[in-house]
């Protein structure tokens, strides 16, 4: 029988144990984090500063950008500091806190994407009733529900994690990932594993299926639009959303909902990099490059700052 211990700290093994690979990955991670944060923050500022973008679609997009900044900031700065200070340890409480916020922001991101799909469905399939249905109260509710439900789900996982004992404190990852911590435990983890599937299914698989289902009537409605310009505008808005959905859900499903026999540490870490670094960095570019209004707002924001006279 293995030794059951309550560890006081964990050792994060990072993205690679090879010094040269670590240097390259540090530069790449720092670049992706910086670009992602700047892109998302500029998106938020552009939406806030342009009255023409004060609509439900851009309200949801600004919240998605805020979630992306929070999501990446939960893990990447710690990983970068660990590399610079050559200190890979993280205390037990800090590890649980990182896991809590990582799950909370990731789950909220997932549910919010389904709210954005609902918004696009109403805008395209029920345009005459859109303004009435998407009231300020409805928009606020569709943003609050992801935040509240995601934090409740994260709280359940975190509380259950405090009840486990661990055989080792070496985490073969760059963050305190739920699955990685469960694998290190010497305790019975059946309840934890079951809840990963049940709660994970409720915040990943259900929103994903809903988004895919909502795009069937959207595609039919867009196809019936008589003008080519109208069809292109609708497809560009929905196409950007589908790009984000494919990147985000595809990588998460690959990590958490594949059979355990198909998992390897390297594969899980590489896939996690995709949805923790690459996807949040790409989101603002995917939305802005395919959206003329947002591109215009970003251009005006940057030109105001470039030519603003000092006080």
Protein backbone atom coordinates (compact mmCIF):
# COMPACT_ATOMS: atom_id res chain seq x y z
CA UNK A 1 0.00 0.00 0.00
CA UNK A 2 1.34 3.45 -0.96
CA UNK A 3 2.33 6.12 1.49
CA UNK A 4 -0.49 8.62 2.13
CA UNK A 5 0.81 12.12 2.81
CA UNK A 6 -0.59 15.60 2.93
CA UNK A 7 2.00 17.60 0.99
CA UNK A 8 2.78 21.22 1.88
CA UNK A 9 3.97 22.16 -1.60
CA UNK A 10 4.10 20.87 -5.17
CA UNK A 11 6.85 20.96 -7.80
CA UNK A 12 5.68 22.03 -11.26
CA UNK A 13 7.85 20.27 -13.83
CA UNK A 14 6.88 22.78 -16.52
CA UNK A 15 6.64 22.42 -20.28
CA UNK A 16 9.98 20.66 -20.71
CA UNK A 17 12.92 19.42 -18.67
CA UNK A 18 15.43 20.30 -21.44
CA UNK A 19 17.17 23.69 -20.73
CA UNK A 20 17.23 24.72 -24.42
CA UNK A 21 13.56 23.84 -24.88
CA UNK A 22 12.72 25.79 -21.72
CA UNK A 23 14.39 28.95 -23.10
CA UNK A 24 12.47 28.71 -26.38
CA UNK A 25 9.17 27.91 -24.66
CA UNK A 26 9.67 30.79 -22.20
CA UNK A 27 10.04 33.28 -25.05
CA UNK A 28 7.09 31.79 -26.91
CA UNK A 29 4.85 31.76 -23.80
CA UNK A 30 5.78 35.34 -22.90
CA UNK A 31 5.05 36.51 -26.44
CA UNK A 32 1.68 34.72 -26.62
CA UNK A 33 0.66 36.04 -23.19
CA UNK A 34 1.65 39.63 -24.02
CA UNK A 35 -0.07 39.60 -27.43
CA UNK A 36 -3.19 37.94 -25.98
CA UNK A 37 -3.53 40.41 -23.09
CA UNK A 38 -2.93 43.44 -25.31
CA UNK A 39 -5.36 42.20 -27.96
CA UNK A 40 -8.11 41.44 -25.46
CA UNK A 41 -7.64 44.67 -23.49
CA UNK A 42 -7.71 46.72 -26.71
CA UNK A 43 -10.93 44.93 -27.70
CA UNK A 44 -12.52 45.86 -24.35
CA UNK A 45 -11.38 49.50 -24.62
CA UNK A 46 -12.58 49.78 -28.22
CA UNK A 47 -16.03 48.44 -27.31
CA UNK A 48 -16.34 50.68 -24.25
CA UNK A 49 -15.14 53.77 -26.15
CA UNK A 50 -17.36 53.40 -29.24
CA UNK A 51 -21.11 54.05 -28.68
CA UNK A 52 -21.92 52.21 -31.93
CA UNK A 53 -20.67 48.98 -30.31
CA UNK A 54 -22.89 49.25 -27.23
CA UNK A 55 -25.03 46.29 -28.30
CA UNK A 56 -25.55 42.78 -26.83
CA UNK A 57 -23.11 41.09 -29.24
CA UNK A 58 -20.24 43.38 -28.28
CA UNK A 59 -21.23 43.30 -24.62
CA UNK A 60 -20.73 39.53 -24.68
CA UNK A 61 -17.51 39.90 -26.67
CA UNK A 62 -16.05 42.35 -24.12
CA UNK A 63 -16.88 39.89 -21.33
CA UNK A 64 -15.24 37.07 -23.31
CA UNK A 65 -12.11 39.21 -23.66
CA UNK A 66 -12.10 39.92 -19.92
CA UNK A 67 -12.45 36.20 -19.17
CA UNK A 68 -9.59 35.39 -21.55
CA UNK A 69 -7.29 37.87 -19.77
CA UNK A 70 -8.23 36.39 -16.37
CA UNK A 71 -7.92 32.81 -17.66
CA UNK A 72 -4.39 33.22 -18.99
CA UNK A 73 -3.27 35.36 -16.03
CA UNK A 74 -4.16 32.53 -13.65
CA UNK A 75 -1.35 30.31 -14.92
CA UNK A 76 1.09 31.96 -17.37
CA UNK A 77 2.65 34.64 -15.08
CA UNK A 78 3.42 31.99 -12.43
CA UNK A 79 5.03 29.77 -15.07
CA UNK A 80 7.16 32.69 -16.35
CA UNK A 81 8.23 33.70 -12.81
CA UNK A 82 9.16 30.08 -12.04
CA UNK A 83 11.42 30.04 -15.09
CA UNK A 84 13.11 33.38 -14.29
CA UNK A 85 13.64 32.59 -10.59
CA UNK A 86 14.48 28.91 -11.23
CA UNK A 87 11.99 28.04 -8.51
CA UNK A 88 9.38 25.52 -9.60
CA UNK A 89 7.63 25.03 -6.25
CA UNK A 90 4.10 26.17 -5.44
CA UNK A 91 2.48 25.88 -2.01
CA UNK A 92 -0.49 23.56 -1.52
CA UNK A 93 -2.88 26.48 -0.88
CA UNK A 94 -1.56 28.45 -3.88
CA UNK A 95 -1.92 25.35 -6.06
CA UNK A 96 -5.55 24.93 -5.00
CA UNK A 97 -6.19 28.64 -5.59
CA UNK A 98 -4.70 28.40 -9.09
CA UNK A 99 -6.79 25.30 -9.84
CA UNK A 100 -9.93 27.04 -8.53
CA UNK A 101 -9.57 30.12 -10.74
CA UNK A 102 -8.38 28.08 -13.73
CA UNK A 103 -11.55 25.96 -13.62
CA UNK A 104 -13.80 28.94 -12.81
CA UNK A 105 -12.59 31.15 -15.67
CA UNK A 106 -12.44 28.24 -18.12
CA UNK A 107 -15.99 27.07 -17.27
CA UNK A 108 -17.35 30.63 -17.44
CA UNK A 109 -15.69 31.01 -20.86
CA UNK A 110 -17.43 27.87 -22.08
CA UNK A 111 -20.91 28.86 -20.88
CA UNK A 112 -20.50 32.42 -22.20
CA UNK A 113 -19.76 31.06 -25.69
CA UNK A 114 -23.17 29.35 -25.63
CA UNK A 115 -24.78 32.66 -24.58
CA UNK A 116 -23.10 34.30 -27.58
CA UNK A 117 -24.53 31.58 -29.84
CA UNK A 118 -28.00 32.29 -28.39
CA UNK A 119 -27.51 35.99 -29.17
CA UNK A 120 -26.53 35.25 -32.78
CA UNK A 121 -29.49 32.86 -33.17
CA UNK A 122 -31.95 35.57 -32.06
CA UNK A 123 -30.29 38.27 -34.19
CA UNK A 124 -30.42 36.20 -37.38
CA UNK A 125 -33.50 33.98 -36.93
CA UNK A 126 -35.74 36.38 -34.94
CA UNK A 127 -34.58 39.88 -35.98
CA UNK A 128 -37.96 41.55 -35.37
CA UNK A 129 -38.07 40.41 -31.74
CA UNK A 130 -34.34 40.70 -31.05
CA UNK A 131 -34.35 44.11 -29.35
CA UNK A 132 -37.32 43.13 -27.17
CA UNK A 133 -35.87 39.77 -26.09
CA UNK A 134 -32.27 40.92 -25.56
CA UNK A 135 -33.06 43.52 -22.93
CA UNK A 136 -30.41 44.90 -20.55
CA UNK A 137 -31.69 42.55 -17.83
CA UNK A 138 -31.50 39.52 -20.16
CA UNK A 139 -27.94 40.43 -21.25
CA UNK A 140 -26.83 40.90 -17.62
CA UNK A 141 -28.36 37.53 -16.67
CA UNK A 142 -26.61 35.75 -19.55
CA UNK A 143 -23.27 37.09 -18.28
CA UNK A 144 -23.90 36.54 -14.55
CA UNK A 145 -25.07 32.92 -14.98
CA UNK A 146 -21.68 31.75 -16.40
CA UNK A 147 -19.73 33.53 -13.64
CA UNK A 148 -21.88 32.18 -10.78
CA UNK A 149 -22.28 28.61 -12.06
CA UNK A 150 -18.59 28.33 -12.98
CA UNK A 151 -17.50 29.42 -9.50
CA UNK A 152 -19.87 26.92 -7.86
CA UNK A 153 -18.52 24.07 -10.00
CA UNK A 154 -14.93 25.11 -9.28
CA UNK A 155 -15.70 25.27 -5.55
CA UNK A 156 -16.93 21.64 -5.58
CA UNK A 157 -13.73 20.40 -7.27
CA UNK A 158 -11.51 22.43 -4.92
CA UNK A 159 -13.25 21.25 -1.74
CA UNK A 160 -12.99 17.62 -2.86
CA UNK A 161 -9.31 18.09 -3.70
CA UNK A 162 -8.57 19.16 -0.09
CA UNK A 163 -9.78 15.72 1.06
CA UNK A 164 -7.17 13.82 -0.98
CA UNK A 165 -3.74 12.59 0.06
CA UNK A 166 -0.86 12.51 -2.39
CA UNK A 167 1.85 9.93 -3.13
CA UNK A 168 4.18 12.49 -4.68
CA UNK A 169 4.39 16.25 -5.01
CA UNK A 170 5.86 16.35 -8.55
CA UNK A 171 3.25 17.61 -11.06
CA UNK A 172 4.23 16.79 -14.68
CA UNK A 173 2.62 20.01 -15.91
CA UNK A 174 3.13 23.79 -15.93
CA UNK A 175 -0.03 24.39 -13.87
CA UNK A 176 -2.08 22.80 -11.10
CA UNK A 177 -4.37 20.91 -13.45
CA UNK A 178 -7.31 18.99 -11.99
CA UNK A 179 -6.57 15.76 -13.86
CA UNK A 180 -2.85 15.93 -13.05
CA UNK A 181 -3.56 16.33 -9.32
CA UNK A 182 -6.07 13.47 -9.31
CA UNK A 183 -3.42 11.19 -10.89
CA UNK A 184 -0.96 12.05 -8.07
CA UNK A 185 -3.39 11.07 -5.33
CA UNK A 186 -3.11 7.92 -3.22
CA UNK A 187 -6.73 8.27 -2.06
CA UNK A 188 -9.85 6.87 -3.68
CA UNK A 189 -10.56 9.33 -6.50
CA UNK A 190 -13.70 7.76 -7.97
CA UNK A 191 -15.92 10.64 -6.83
CA UNK A 192 -13.46 13.21 -8.21
CA UNK A 193 -13.22 11.43 -11.55
CA UNK A 194 -17.00 11.03 -11.80
CA UNK A 195 -17.52 14.75 -11.10
CA UNK A 196 -14.93 15.70 -13.74
CA UNK A 197 -17.17 13.93 -16.27
CA UNK A 198 -20.54 15.04 -14.84
CA UNK A 199 -19.72 18.68 -14.07
CA UNK A 200 -17.34 18.91 -17.01
CA UNK A 201 -20.08 17.62 -19.29
CA UNK A 202 -22.47 20.27 -17.99
CA UNK A 203 -20.09 23.15 -18.78
CA UNK A 204 -18.33 21.79 -21.88
CA UNK A 205 -20.35 19.17 -23.76
CA UNK A 206 -23.83 20.68 -23.22
CA UNK A 207 -22.80 24.22 -24.36
CA UNK A 208 -20.87 22.71 -27.28
CA UNK A 209 -23.88 20.64 -28.45
CA UNK A 210 -26.17 23.65 -27.98
CA UNK A 211 -23.88 25.89 -30.06
CA UNK A 212 -23.68 23.34 -32.88
CA UNK A 213 -27.48 22.84 -32.80
CA UNK A 214 -28.16 26.60 -32.83
CA UNK A 215 -26.10 27.04 -35.98
CA UNK A 216 -28.35 24.75 -38.02
CA UNK A 217 -31.29 27.24 -38.15
CA UNK A 218 -28.76 30.09 -38.44
CA UNK A 219 -27.22 28.51 -41.55
CA UNK A 220 -30.68 28.00 -43.08
CA UNK A 221 -31.69 31.61 -42.32
CA UNK A 222 -28.43 33.01 -43.75
CA UNK A 223 -28.80 30.94 -46.91
CA UNK A 224 -32.22 32.58 -47.50
CA UNK A 225 -30.80 36.12 -47.31
CA UNK A 226 -31.30 37.55 -50.83
CA UNK A 227 -28.25 39.82 -51.06
CA UNK A 228 -24.70 38.48 -51.22
CA UNK A 229 -23.52 41.34 -48.98
CA UNK A 230 -26.07 40.42 -46.31
CA UNK A 231 -25.06 36.76 -46.44
CA UNK A 232 -21.37 37.68 -46.13
CA UNK A 233 -21.99 39.94 -43.12
CA UNK A 234 -23.95 37.22 -41.30
CA UNK A 235 -21.42 34.52 -42.17
CA UNK A 236 -18.46 36.68 -41.07
CA UNK A 237 -20.04 37.33 -37.66
CA UNK A 238 -20.99 33.68 -37.11
CA UNK A 239 -17.83 32.35 -38.73
CA UNK A 240 -15.62 34.12 -36.20
CA UNK A 241 -17.68 32.66 -33.37
CA UNK A 242 -17.39 29.15 -34.85
CA UNK A 243 -13.60 29.52 -35.15
CA UNK A 244 -13.35 30.34 -31.45
CA UNK A 245 -15.71 27.49 -30.56
CA UNK A 246 -13.75 24.94 -32.61
CA UNK A 247 -10.40 25.92 -31.07
CA UNK A 248 -11.65 26.12 -27.50
CA UNK A 249 -13.89 23.06 -27.28
CA UNK A 250 -11.78 20.87 -29.55
CA UNK A 251 -8.72 21.14 -27.30
CA UNK A 252 -10.64 20.84 -23.99
CA UNK A 253 -12.56 17.76 -25.15
CA UNK A 254 -9.23 16.27 -26.24
CA UNK A 255 -7.82 16.63 -22.71
CA UNK A 256 -10.77 15.86 -20.42
CA UNK A 257 -13.17 13.64 -22.37
CA UNK A 258 -10.92 11.15 -24.13
CA UNK A 259 -10.28 7.64 -22.73
CA UNK A 260 -7.48 7.63 -20.12
CA UNK A 261 -5.58 5.03 -22.19
CA UNK A 262 -5.06 7.60 -24.98
CA UNK A 263 -3.52 10.20 -22.65
CA UNK A 264 0.18 10.93 -22.36
CA UNK A 265 1.75 13.71 -20.30
CA UNK A 266 3.29 15.37 -23.37
CA UNK A 267 0.02 15.24 -25.30
CA UNK A 268 -2.01 16.69 -22.40
CA UNK A 269 0.49 19.51 -21.81
CA UNK A 270 0.61 20.39 -25.54
CA UNK A 271 -3.19 20.43 -25.77
CA UNK A 272 -3.47 22.53 -22.60
CA UNK A 273 -1.08 25.08 -24.14
CA UNK A 274 -3.52 25.38 -27.05
CA UNK A 275 -6.53 26.41 -24.95
CA UNK A 276 -4.65 28.33 -22.23
CA UNK A 277 -2.31 30.38 -24.46
CA UNK A 278 -3.07 30.08 -28.16
CA UNK A 279 -6.87 30.35 -28.16
CA UNK A 280 -7.08 33.45 -25.87
CA UNK A 281 -4.38 35.09 -28.00
CA UNK A 282 -6.22 34.35 -31.25
CA UNK A 283 -9.71 35.38 -30.07
CA UNK A 284 -9.34 39.17 -30.49
CA UNK A 285 -7.72 38.72 -33.91
CA UNK A 286 -10.39 36.29 -35.11
CA UNK A 287 -13.17 38.67 -34.08
CA UNK A 288 -11.55 41.91 -35.22
CA UNK A 289 -10.23 40.66 -38.58
CA UNK A 290 -13.69 39.39 -39.56
CA UNK A 291 -15.65 42.34 -38.16
CA UNK A 292 -15.57 45.69 -39.95
CA UNK A 293 -17.21 47.64 -37.09
CA UNK A 294 -14.74 46.37 -34.50
CA UNK A 295 -11.78 46.98 -36.83
CA UNK A 296 -12.97 50.56 -37.25
CA UNK A 297 -13.35 51.05 -33.49
CA UNK A 298 -9.84 49.67 -32.87
CA UNK A 299 -8.42 51.95 -35.56
CA UNK A 300 -10.09 54.99 -34.00
CA UNK A 301 -8.91 54.00 -30.52
CA UNK A 302 -5.30 53.61 -31.63
CA UNK A 303 -5.32 56.80 -33.68
CA UNK A 304 -6.72 58.81 -30.74
CA UNK A 305 -3.93 57.52 -28.48
CA UNK A 306 -1.25 58.06 -31.14
CA UNK A 307 -2.13 61.68 -31.81
CA UNK A 308 -3.33 62.69 -28.35
CA UNK A 309 -1.49 65.77 -27.13
CA UNK A 310 0.16 65.58 -23.71
CA UNK A 311 -1.45 67.66 -21.01
